[in-house]
Protein backbone atom coordinates (compact mmCIF):
# COMPACT_ATOMS: atom_id res chain seq x y z
CA MET A 1 0.00 0.00 0.00
CA LYS A 2 1.33 3.39 -0.99
CA ILE A 3 1.31 6.18 1.66
CA PRO A 4 -0.18 9.40 0.28
CA HIS A 5 2.31 12.23 -0.23
CA TYR A 6 0.45 14.67 2.06
CA ILE A 7 0.65 12.23 5.00
CA THR A 8 4.43 11.94 4.56
CA SER A 9 4.74 15.74 4.43
CA LEU A 10 2.61 16.14 7.57
CA ALA A 11 4.69 13.55 9.42
CA LEU A 12 7.94 15.31 8.45
CA ALA A 13 6.55 18.71 9.52
CA ALA A 14 5.37 17.31 12.87
CA THR A 15 8.79 15.75 13.45
CA ALA A 16 10.59 19.01 12.66
CA ILE A 17 8.34 20.95 15.01
CA GLY A 18 8.72 18.30 17.70
CA PHE A 19 12.53 18.54 17.63
CA GLY A 20 12.74 22.32 17.69
CA GLY A 21 12.07 24.74 20.49
CA CYS A 22 9.59 27.51 19.88
CA ALA A 23 11.76 30.24 21.43
CA SER A 24 14.81 28.94 19.55
CA ILE A 25 12.95 29.06 16.26
CA VAL A 26 11.27 32.45 16.73
CA ASP A 27 13.74 34.44 18.84
CA GLY A 28 17.20 33.05 18.12
CA GLY A 29 19.86 31.26 20.07
CA ARG A 30 22.34 31.74 22.88
CA ASN A 31 23.17 35.47 22.63
CA GLU A 32 21.13 38.63 22.44
CA THR A 33 22.25 42.12 21.43
CA VAL A 34 21.67 44.75 24.12
CA LEU A 35 22.17 48.50 23.65
CA ILE A 36 24.01 49.95 26.66
CA ARG A 37 23.68 53.74 27.04
CA SER A 38 24.54 56.37 29.61
CA LEU A 39 23.22 59.88 30.03
CA PRO A 40 25.46 61.70 29.33
CA ALA A 41 27.09 59.49 26.70
CA GLY A 42 30.77 58.63 26.71
CA ALA A 43 30.99 56.77 30.02
CA SER A 44 33.33 53.82 30.28
CA ILE A 45 31.35 50.64 30.82
CA LYS A 46 32.35 47.26 32.20
CA ILE A 47 29.95 44.30 32.16
CA VAL A 48 30.58 41.51 34.66
CA ASN A 49 28.85 38.11 34.70
CA ASN A 50 27.66 37.78 38.30
CA ARG A 51 27.91 34.00 38.37
CA THR A 52 31.48 33.67 37.08
CA GLY A 53 32.84 37.08 38.03
CA GLU A 54 34.24 37.34 34.51
CA THR A 55 34.33 40.69 32.71
CA VAL A 56 32.47 39.98 29.48
CA TYR A 57 32.76 43.48 27.97
CA SER A 58 34.68 46.73 28.43
CA GLY A 59 34.11 49.79 26.30
CA THR A 60 32.44 53.17 26.04
CA SER A 61 28.75 54.03 25.92
CA PRO A 62 26.75 53.83 23.81
CA ALA A 63 27.58 50.27 22.80
CA LYS A 64 25.77 47.31 21.29
CA VAL A 65 26.89 44.20 23.15
CA ASP A 66 26.13 40.53 22.47
CA LEU A 67 25.41 38.90 25.82
CA ALA A 68 24.62 35.30 26.70
CA ARG A 69 20.97 34.82 27.64
CA SER A 70 21.64 32.07 30.16
CA SER A 71 24.42 30.70 32.30
CA GLY A 72 23.57 27.05 31.82
CA PHE A 73 20.77 24.54 31.46
CA PHE A 74 17.63 26.07 33.05
CA LYS A 75 19.76 28.87 34.57
CA GLY A 76 19.10 32.51 33.82
CA VAL A 77 21.96 34.97 33.82
CA SER A 78 22.61 38.22 35.64
CA TYR A 79 25.16 40.90 34.92
CA THR A 80 26.42 44.01 36.69
CA ILE A 81 27.10 46.96 34.42
CA GLN A 82 29.51 49.52 35.86
CA PHE A 83 29.49 53.07 34.47
CA ARG A 84 32.30 55.59 35.08
CA LEU A 85 32.63 59.12 33.71
CA ASP A 86 34.80 62.00 34.94
CA GLY A 87 32.73 64.57 36.83
CA TYR A 88 29.96 62.05 37.58
CA ASP A 89 29.35 59.53 40.35
CA ASP A 90 30.08 55.92 39.42
CA LYS A 91 26.93 53.89 38.87
CA GLN A 92 26.12 50.17 38.79
CA VAL A 93 23.09 48.71 37.05
CA SER A 94 21.89 45.12 37.33
CA LEU A 95 20.80 43.26 34.21
CA ARG A 96 18.92 39.97 34.56
CA SER A 97 17.48 37.60 32.01
CA SER A 98 13.81 36.67 32.22
CA VAL A 99 11.78 33.85 30.71
CA ASN A 100 11.11 34.51 27.03
CA GLY A 101 7.39 34.61 26.19
CA TRP A 102 7.99 32.44 23.12
CA TYR A 103 9.17 29.66 25.43
CA PHE A 104 5.53 28.96 26.25
CA GLY A 105 4.83 28.47 22.55
CA ASN A 106 6.35 25.03 23.07
CA ILE A 107 3.02 23.98 24.56
CA ILE A 108 1.57 24.21 21.03
CA PHE A 109 4.51 24.09 18.60
CA GLY A 110 7.74 22.83 20.15
CA GLY A 111 6.35 20.09 22.32
CA LEU A 112 8.01 18.51 25.30
CA ILE A 113 11.41 18.26 23.59
CA GLY A 114 11.43 22.01 22.87
CA MET A 115 10.29 22.86 26.38
CA VAL A 116 12.65 20.71 28.44
CA ILE A 117 15.64 20.22 26.13
CA VAL A 118 16.08 22.55 23.14
CA ASP A 119 15.17 25.99 24.54
CA PRO A 120 16.82 25.45 27.96
CA ALA A 121 19.98 24.04 26.35
CA THR A 122 20.34 26.86 23.81
CA GLY A 123 19.45 29.60 26.31
CA ALA A 124 16.57 30.69 24.06
CA MET A 125 14.10 30.18 26.92
CA TYR A 126 15.49 33.45 28.35
CA SER A 127 15.65 36.97 26.99
CA LEU A 128 17.41 40.20 27.93
CA PRO A 129 16.09 43.76 27.62
CA GLU A 130 16.76 45.50 24.30
CA ASP A 131 18.50 48.40 26.01
CA VAL A 132 19.83 49.60 29.34
CA VAL A 133 20.10 53.30 30.18
CA ALA A 134 22.00 54.70 33.18
CA ASN A 135 21.35 58.29 34.23
CA LEU A 136 24.62 59.46 35.76
CA ASP A 137 24.55 62.01 38.60
CA ALA A 138 27.00 64.90 38.56
CA LYS A 139 29.52 64.82 41.39
CA SER A 140 29.06 67.15 44.33
CA SER A 141 29.67 70.80 43.52
CA ALA A 142 31.87 71.31 46.60
CA THR A 143 35.04 73.23 45.79
CA LEU A 144 38.02 73.70 48.08
CA LEU A 145 40.01 76.90 47.63
CA GLU A 146 43.47 77.04 49.17
CA ASP A 147 45.76 80.06 49.52
CA GLY A 148 49.01 79.09 51.22
CA ASP A 149 48.71 79.29 55.05
CA ASN A 150 45.40 81.17 54.94
CA ALA A 151 42.10 79.65 55.96
CA ASN A 152 40.30 77.41 53.48
CA LEU A 153 36.93 78.20 51.97
CA LEU A 154 34.56 75.39 51.12
CA ILE A 155 31.77 76.19 48.68
CA VAL A 156 28.96 73.66 48.67
CA ASN A 157 25.65 73.45 46.88
CA ILE A 158 22.84 73.60 49.46
CA ASP A 159 21.34 70.40 48.03
CA ASP A 160 24.54 68.58 49.08
CA ILE A 161 24.08 69.53 52.76
CA PRO A 162 22.11 67.03 54.90
CA GLU A 163 18.75 68.33 56.18
CA GLU A 164 19.79 67.99 59.83
CA LEU A 165 22.74 70.39 59.28
CA ARG A 166 20.86 73.08 57.34
CA SER A 167 19.42 74.59 60.57
CA GLN A 168 23.02 75.42 61.64
CA LEU A 169 23.79 77.50 58.53
CA VAL A 170 24.51 81.20 59.01
CA ALA A 171 23.72 83.73 56.27
CA VAL A 172 26.62 85.96 55.19
CA ASN A 173 25.79 89.34 53.69
C-alpha cells in the first residue's frame, strides 16, 4: 500500500516541530544584542557576569553588546554593568534575564522536547532587555580653595548639605 504524499509531508513537519524549540525558532539562540547607554554618553562601561565574576565586555557608551541569555541549562543569567565618567558619580546597574514569552509556545509548537531540552539548552528560553540606560549624577559641587597658610573656603551646593545640618547654617551678607 502506498502512503499518500500529504501524510508523509505532515509527518515530516510534525517531526521538525517536535525537535525544535519555539523560542529557539522564533527568537534566536544563545546570545542577544543589548544596547548599553549612559546619560550623558561617553561613560566607560564594564559588564561583569555575576555568576562567574568574569568581565564579558569593556568599552564606552553607547555600545551594542552581544550577551549570553543564560548561564547554563535552566539557569538565567545576571550581569552588573559599571558606568564611570569624569565629573559624575560611578553607577552600577543590574541586568537579569527573564523567561522569554515564546518559550511557552512550546506547549503548542515545540512540544516537550522544545520545552525541556532545546530551549533550555540553547538559552533561548530566556531573553534580555533591548537596552539599558544609566542616568549618571554629577559629582558634588563642593570646591576647596586654598591660599598658602590662609584659611580654606569650602563652597557647597545647598542640596549637598544634609537636612539635619541646614538649621546650623549662618547667612553671610
